[in-house]
Amino acid sequence: MTVVVMAPNWLGDAVMALPALADLRRHFADAQLVVAARRSVAALFPMVPGVDAVVTLPGKGGVAALGTWRDDVAALRDAAGDVAILLPNSLASAVVALQAGIAERWGLATDGRRRLLTRAVPRPRGHRHQAAYYQALTMALGVPAGPQVARVVPPAPRDGLVPDGRYVVLAPGAAYGRAKQWPVAQWTALAAILADEGWQTVLVGSAADRATCDDVQRLVPRAQRGRVRDLTGTTSLADLTALLASADGVVSNDSGAMHLAAATGAPVVAVFGATDETRTAPVRASLEYPEAMVVTTEAWCRPCMLRECPIDHRCMTGITAPRVADAVRTAATRRGDGRQADA
């Protein structure tokens, strides 16, 4: 029996789906478990325990899927799946699974696709974390829920990737919009504080984060600039995972890097403003690891879930660099605890 799990399209969502994926692995213990994923996240799943194979879907997500779904069908047909479990809510994912000849198609009855599914589950109601949302689907399919943990096993870092000595990874970007981003001035101040204390900092992000990371590095005082390294847009997903896993701390907005770092067991400080930490806080790598430290500030308007702040961005400007630096120090002292327990 081959079970194909169609993965979410965004890195953060893909990581938050890992507890449900682990539940499926335990339930279908004798099955071949295949993950079908977009290019942007496919490289994650070879690092996930229990995944037997990965199918990279060459098409595009969103509205663009209408013009590229045939490419996805061709790729998915080769997996020869008996069952497809659709974690995305999209109509396109159901169409692709149907056209790929997968007889059983299970998923949430969303986006007008009920008739394309052989088992259609009502959308979960109520406020819940995104990881619990995916587990609600698998539980409705008769799969017992295990712990809400997301484990990613990093590869060995390539030569020269990991700095010598103590270092903190900074991820100033966020795909959803500027409302999720802690201000550049605060990132710069944080890098300077850490440099004064002997830490190295490494900036990471996608090519889309280049301007933000350039600003951070440019504005760090010259005396501390030698301790700031910029790898924005230069790391593969495997490299990023290895870098995050070895870090003494990771500071991030609500982003894919935040979720990935927590799944490696790295000590994470997550800065939340416009988005809701009760829905998208990082999921830890195992129950033995400390939970990520979530930093917020009181603001009557948060969480607004907007891409751009229409007023003064008080949910982020109210969070200071010294406060986040304190959280980094605390997180770093707990770095080894979970790893030793998990070993």
Protein backbone atom coordinates (compact mmCIF):
# COMPACT_ATOMS: atom_id res chain seq x y z
CA MET A 1 0.00 0.00 0.00
CA THR A 2 1.26 3.46 -0.88
CA VAL A 3 -0.02 6.49 1.00
CA VAL A 4 0.66 9.84 -0.66
CA VAL A 5 0.50 12.94 1.53
CA MET A 6 0.16 16.19 -0.39
CA ALA A 7 2.07 18.77 1.61
CA PRO A 8 1.27 22.43 2.26
CA ASN A 9 2.98 24.89 -0.06
CA TRP A 10 4.64 27.17 2.50
CA LEU A 11 7.62 26.16 4.62
CA GLY A 12 6.08 27.16 7.94
CA ASP A 13 2.86 25.30 7.18
CA ALA A 14 4.83 22.28 6.00
CA VAL A 15 6.67 22.13 9.32
CA MET A 16 3.45 22.56 11.28
CA ALA A 17 2.01 19.61 9.34
CA LEU A 18 4.77 17.28 10.62
CA PRO A 19 2.87 16.14 13.75
CA ALA A 20 0.04 14.93 11.50
CA LEU A 21 2.57 13.31 9.17
CA ALA A 22 4.12 11.47 12.13
CA ASP A 23 0.65 10.27 13.13
CA LEU A 24 0.11 8.89 9.61
CA ARG A 25 3.49 7.16 9.73
CA ARG A 26 2.58 5.36 12.95
CA HIS A 27 -0.91 4.45 11.74
CA PHE A 28 0.16 3.18 8.33
CA ALA A 29 3.22 1.42 9.70
CA ASP A 30 3.54 -1.08 6.84
CA ALA A 31 2.73 1.34 4.02
CA GLN A 32 5.06 3.22 1.71
CA LEU A 33 4.71 6.84 2.86
CA VAL A 34 5.29 9.32 0.04
CA VAL A 35 5.17 13.10 0.37
CA ALA A 36 4.22 15.16 -2.69
CA ALA A 37 5.40 18.75 -2.33
CA ARG A 38 6.16 21.90 -4.29
CA ARG A 39 9.79 22.68 -5.15
CA SER A 40 9.84 25.38 -2.46
CA VAL A 41 9.38 22.82 0.34
CA ALA A 42 10.21 19.43 -1.18
CA ALA A 43 13.77 19.50 0.18
CA LEU A 44 12.36 19.52 3.72
CA PHE A 45 10.95 16.01 3.63
CA PRO A 46 14.11 13.92 3.09
CA MET A 47 15.09 15.31 6.50
CA VAL A 48 11.85 14.12 8.14
CA PRO A 49 11.97 10.71 9.86
CA GLY A 50 9.56 8.13 8.46
CA VAL A 51 9.18 9.55 4.95
CA ASP A 52 10.01 6.85 2.40
CA ALA A 53 10.01 8.97 -0.76
CA VAL A 54 9.40 12.50 -1.96
CA VAL A 55 7.69 13.55 -5.18
CA THR A 56 8.48 17.09 -6.28
CA LEU A 57 5.47 18.74 -7.90
CA PRO A 58 6.79 20.96 -10.71
CA GLY A 59 3.66 23.08 -11.11
CA LYS A 60 2.75 26.26 -9.28
CA GLY A 61 0.45 26.94 -6.37
CA GLY A 62 -2.50 29.29 -6.05
CA VAL A 63 -4.28 30.56 -9.15
CA ALA A 64 -1.26 29.63 -11.29
CA ALA A 65 -2.03 25.97 -10.57
CA LEU A 66 -4.81 26.16 -13.17
CA GLY A 67 -2.21 26.33 -15.92
CA THR A 68 0.33 23.87 -14.53
CA TRP A 69 -1.73 21.09 -12.95
CA ARG A 70 -0.96 18.64 -15.76
CA ASP A 71 2.73 18.75 -14.81
CA ASP A 72 1.78 17.84 -11.25
CA VAL A 73 -0.44 15.00 -12.46
CA ALA A 74 2.42 13.48 -14.44
CA ALA A 75 4.75 13.64 -11.44
CA LEU A 76 2.19 12.26 -9.01
CA ARG A 77 1.11 9.42 -11.30
CA ASP A 78 4.60 7.92 -11.01
CA ALA A 79 4.09 7.53 -7.25
CA ALA A 80 1.36 4.92 -7.92
CA GLY A 81 -0.50 5.93 -4.79
CA ASP A 82 -3.41 3.96 -3.36
CA VAL A 83 -4.51 6.75 -1.02
CA ALA A 84 -3.91 10.51 -1.24
CA ILE A 85 -4.30 12.59 1.92
CA LEU A 86 -4.65 16.23 0.97
CA LEU A 87 -3.31 18.64 3.58
CA PRO A 88 -3.82 21.73 1.36
CA ASN A 89 -7.41 22.98 1.22
CA SER A 90 -7.27 23.74 -2.50
CA LEU A 91 -9.45 22.44 -5.31
CA ALA A 92 -6.30 22.01 -7.41
CA SER A 93 -4.82 19.39 -5.07
CA ALA A 94 -7.97 17.28 -5.38
CA VAL A 95 -8.00 17.62 -9.17
CA VAL A 96 -4.37 16.54 -9.39
CA ALA A 97 -4.91 13.51 -7.16
CA LEU A 98 -7.96 12.46 -9.19
CA GLN A 99 -6.24 12.88 -12.54
CA ALA A 100 -3.18 11.01 -11.26
CA GLY A 101 -5.40 7.95 -10.84
CA ILE A 102 -5.31 7.74 -7.03
CA ALA A 103 -8.45 5.84 -6.11
CA GLU A 104 -8.83 7.09 -2.54
CA ARG A 105 -8.67 10.85 -1.99
CA TRP A 106 -9.14 12.09 1.55
CA GLY A 107 -9.24 15.67 2.74
CA LEU A 108 -11.25 18.56 4.09
CA ALA A 109 -14.44 19.47 2.25
CA THR A 110 -13.19 22.92 1.25
CA ASP A 111 -12.84 25.04 -1.89
CA GLY A 112 -15.72 23.31 -3.69
CA ARG A 113 -13.94 19.96 -3.95
CA ARG A 114 -16.24 17.70 -1.92
CA ARG A 115 -17.35 15.67 -4.96
CA LEU A 116 -13.75 14.96 -5.92
CA LEU A 117 -12.99 13.35 -2.56
CA THR A 118 -13.82 9.78 -1.59
CA ARG A 119 -13.67 10.79 2.09
CA ALA A 120 -14.59 14.41 2.74
CA VAL A 121 -14.09 15.73 6.27
CA PRO A 122 -15.85 18.89 7.50
CA ARG A 123 -13.53 21.82 8.19
CA PRO A 124 -12.58 21.90 11.89
CA ARG A 125 -14.31 24.60 13.88
CA GLY A 126 -12.96 26.71 16.68
CA HIS A 127 -9.67 28.38 17.51
CA ARG A 128 -6.68 26.04 17.29
CA HIS A 129 -3.01 25.93 16.41
CA GLN A 130 -2.27 25.16 12.76
CA ALA A 131 -0.58 21.90 13.75
CA ALA A 132 -3.78 20.87 15.55
CA TYR A 133 -5.74 21.85 12.43
CA TYR A 134 -3.83 19.28 10.37
CA GLN A 135 -4.17 16.70 13.13
CA ALA A 136 -7.93 17.34 13.22
CA LEU A 137 -8.09 16.11 9.63
CA THR A 138 -6.09 12.97 10.30
CA MET A 139 -8.03 12.22 13.49
CA ALA A 140 -11.29 12.50 11.55
CA LEU A 141 -9.84 9.89 9.19
CA GLY A 142 -9.38 7.50 12.11
CA VAL A 143 -5.71 8.20 12.76
CA PRO A 144 -4.88 8.60 16.47
CA ALA A 145 -3.12 11.84 17.34
CA GLY A 146 0.32 11.68 18.86
CA PRO A 147 2.27 14.51 20.51
CA GLN A 148 2.37 17.89 18.81
CA VAL A 149 6.04 17.77 17.89
CA ALA A 150 7.81 18.41 14.59
CA ARG A 151 11.16 16.70 14.11
CA VAL A 152 13.59 17.54 11.34
CA VAL A 153 17.01 15.82 11.26
CA PRO A 154 19.59 18.20 9.78
CA PRO A 155 22.40 17.04 7.53
CA ALA A 156 26.00 17.48 8.56
CA PRO A 157 26.99 21.08 7.80
CA ARG A 158 29.26 21.58 4.83
CA ASP A 159 32.72 22.97 5.42
CA GLY A 160 32.76 26.65 6.27
CA LEU A 161 29.02 26.96 6.84
CA VAL A 162 28.95 27.03 10.64
CA PRO A 163 30.98 29.78 12.35
CA ASP A 164 33.55 28.97 14.99
CA GLY A 165 32.43 29.89 18.48
CA ARG A 166 29.04 31.05 19.72
CA TYR A 167 26.63 32.35 17.13
CA VAL A 168 23.01 33.45 16.78
CA VAL A 169 21.05 33.25 13.55
CA LEU A 170 18.88 36.28 12.75
CA ALA A 171 15.98 35.91 10.30
CA PRO A 172 14.59 39.43 9.76
CA GLY A 173 12.33 38.57 6.81
CA ALA A 174 8.76 37.30 6.53
CA ALA A 175 6.90 36.29 3.40
CA TYR A 176 3.45 37.43 4.45
CA GLY A 177 4.16 41.16 4.69
CA ARG A 178 5.89 43.96 6.56
CA ALA A 179 3.40 43.92 9.43
CA LYS A 180 5.04 40.66 10.59
CA GLN A 181 8.53 42.16 10.58
CA TRP A 182 10.32 43.55 13.60
CA PRO A 183 11.83 46.91 12.55
CA VAL A 184 15.29 46.97 10.97
CA ALA A 185 16.53 49.38 13.65
CA GLN A 186 15.80 46.80 16.33
CA TRP A 187 17.50 43.98 14.42
CA THR A 188 20.53 46.23 14.03
CA ALA A 189 20.56 47.07 17.73
CA LEU A 190 20.24 43.38 18.63
CA ALA A 191 23.19 42.45 16.40
CA ALA A 192 25.28 45.17 18.05
CA ILE A 193 24.36 44.02 21.57
CA LEU A 194 25.25 40.43 20.79
CA ALA A 195 28.51 41.46 19.11
CA ASP A 196 29.54 43.45 22.19
CA GLU A 197 28.99 40.30 24.25
CA GLY A 198 31.20 38.19 21.98
CA TRP A 199 28.51 36.50 19.89
CA GLN A 200 28.64 36.19 16.14
CA THR A 201 25.43 36.74 14.22
CA VAL A 202 24.42 35.23 10.89
CA LEU A 203 21.71 36.82 8.76
CA VAL A 204 19.55 34.40 6.75
CA GLY A 205 16.59 34.69 4.44
CA SER A 206 15.40 34.20 0.90
CA ALA A 207 16.40 36.41 -2.01
CA ALA A 208 13.25 38.44 -1.29
CA ASP A 209 14.75 39.39 2.10
CA ARG A 210 17.93 40.81 0.57
CA ALA A 211 17.05 44.49 1.03
CA THR A 212 16.08 43.99 4.68
CA CYS A 213 19.24 42.07 5.54
CA ASP A 214 21.41 44.54 3.61
CA ASP A 215 19.96 47.33 5.75
CA VAL A 216 20.65 45.45 8.96
CA GLN A 217 24.26 44.78 8.06
CA ARG A 218 24.82 48.31 6.76
CA LEU A 219 23.46 49.95 9.90
CA VAL A 220 25.41 47.87 12.42
CA PRO A 221 28.12 50.10 13.90
CA ARG A 222 31.48 49.63 12.23
CA ALA A 223 33.09 48.32 15.42
CA GLN A 224 30.68 45.36 15.52
CA ARG A 225 30.29 44.77 11.79
CA GLY A 226 33.00 42.12 11.65
CA ARG A 227 30.87 39.84 13.80
CA VAL A 228 27.90 39.99 11.41
CA ARG A 229 27.84 37.53 8.52
CA ASP A 230 25.21 37.72 5.78
CA LEU A 231 24.08 34.50 4.07
CA THR A 232 20.81 35.87 2.73
CA GLY A 233 19.72 34.14 -0.45
CA THR A 234 22.78 31.85 -0.54
CA THR A 235 21.73 28.79 1.46
CA SER A 236 19.86 25.74 0.27
CA LEU A 237 17.15 24.44 2.57
CA ALA A 238 19.51 21.70 3.75
CA ASP A 239 22.25 24.26 4.48
CA LEU A 240 19.82 26.48 6.34
CA THR A 241 18.63 23.55 8.42
CA ALA A 242 22.20 22.59 9.37
CA LEU A 243 23.04 26.19 10.24
CA LEU A 244 19.95 26.63 12.41
CA ALA A 245 20.45 23.31 14.19
CA SER A 246 23.98 24.20 15.35
CA ALA A 247 23.13 27.74 16.48
CA ASP A 248 23.20 28.84 20.11
CA GLY A 249 20.10 30.88 19.39
CA VAL A 250 17.76 31.80 16.54
CA VAL A 251 15.76 35.04 16.46
CA SER A 252 13.01 35.25 13.88
CA ASN A 253 9.77 36.87 12.95
CA ASP A 254 6.81 34.55 12.42
CA SER A 255 8.28 32.85 9.36
CA GLY A 256 9.32 29.56 7.82
CA ALA A 257 12.81 29.92 9.28
CA MET A 258 11.29 30.17 12.76
CA HIS A 259 9.37 26.92 12.34
CA LEU A 260 12.30 25.11 10.77
CA ALA A 261 14.66 26.19 13.55
CA ALA A 262 12.33 24.89 16.26
CA ALA A 263 11.97 21.58 14.44
CA THR A 264 15.75 21.07 14.57
CA GLY A 265 15.80 21.61 18.32
CA ALA A 266 17.49 25.00 18.11
CA PRO A 267 16.71 27.53 20.89
CA VAL A 268 14.25 29.91 19.24
CA VAL A 269 13.17 33.42 20.15
CA ALA A 270 10.09 34.22 18.07
CA VAL A 271 8.99 37.84 17.69
CA PHE A 272 5.23 38.09 17.10
CA GLY A 273 3.26 41.19 16.22
CA ALA A 274 0.47 41.18 13.64
CA THR A 275 0.03 37.41 13.67
CA ASP A 276 -1.39 35.13 16.34
CA GLU A 277 1.08 33.09 18.34
CA THR A 278 -1.72 30.83 19.59
CA ARG A 279 -2.16 29.65 16.00
CA THR A 280 1.38 29.67 14.61
CA ALA A 281 3.88 29.54 17.49
CA PRO A 282 6.81 27.21 16.71
CA VAL A 283 6.31 23.51 17.34
CA ARG A 284 9.20 21.99 19.26
CA ALA A 285 11.24 19.03 18.04
CA SER A 286 10.26 16.73 20.90
CA LEU A 287 8.56 16.97 24.28
CA GLU A 288 12.01 16.96 25.94
CA TYR A 289 12.99 20.22 24.25
CA PRO A 290 12.06 23.58 25.78
CA GLU A 291 9.33 25.46 23.96
CA ALA A 292 10.35 28.48 21.90
CA MET A 293 10.38 31.81 23.68
CA VAL A 294 7.64 33.96 22.16
CA VAL A 295 8.10 37.72 22.54
CA THR A 296 5.12 40.05 22.14
CA THR A 297 3.96 43.39 23.47
CA GLU A 298 0.55 44.63 24.54
CA ALA A 299 -1.34 46.33 21.71
CA TRP A 300 -5.09 46.67 21.49
CA CYS A 301 -5.03 45.95 17.75
CA ARG A 302 -3.09 42.69 17.72
CA PRO A 303 -3.32 40.15 16.26
CA CYS A 304 -4.73 41.95 13.22
CA MET A 305 -3.42 39.47 10.59
CA LEU A 306 -2.84 42.35 8.15
CA ARG A 307 0.03 42.47 5.68
CA GLU A 308 0.65 46.18 6.26
CA CYS A 309 0.04 48.14 9.45
CA PRO A 310 -2.42 51.01 8.86
CA ILE A 311 -1.32 52.91 11.98
CA ASP A 312 2.01 52.97 13.85
CA HIS A 313 3.09 49.29 14.01
CA ARG A 314 3.01 49.46 17.79
CA CYS A 315 2.86 45.66 18.12
CA MET A 316 6.44 45.54 16.85
CA THR A 317 7.94 48.89 17.80
CA GLY A 318 7.03 48.13 21.42
CA ILE A 319 9.47 45.20 21.46
CA THR A 320 13.00 46.38 22.22
CA ALA A 321 16.37 44.89 21.27
CA PRO A 322 17.53 44.58 24.93
CA ARG A 323 14.42 42.58 25.73
CA VAL A 324 15.03 40.19 22.84
CA ALA A 325 18.72 39.93 23.78
CA ASP A 326 17.63 38.85 27.28
CA ALA A 327 15.47 36.16 25.69
CA VAL A 328 18.41 34.98 23.57
CA ARG A 329 20.59 34.61 26.66
CA THR A 330 17.88 32.61 28.44
CA ALA A 331 17.24 30.40 25.42
CA ALA A 332 20.95 29.74 24.96
CA THR A 333 21.33 28.47 28.52
CA ARG A 334 18.67 25.86 27.79
CA ARG A 335 20.22 24.80 24.49
CA GLY A 336 21.72 21.53 25.61
CA ASP A 337 18.95 20.32 27.89
CA GLY A 338 16.61 18.90 25.32
CA ARG A 339 19.37 17.58 23.09
CA GLN A 340 20.91 15.61 25.91
CA ALA A 341 17.51 14.18 26.90
CA ASP A 342 16.73 13.31 23.29
CA ALA A 343 20.08 11.64 22.57
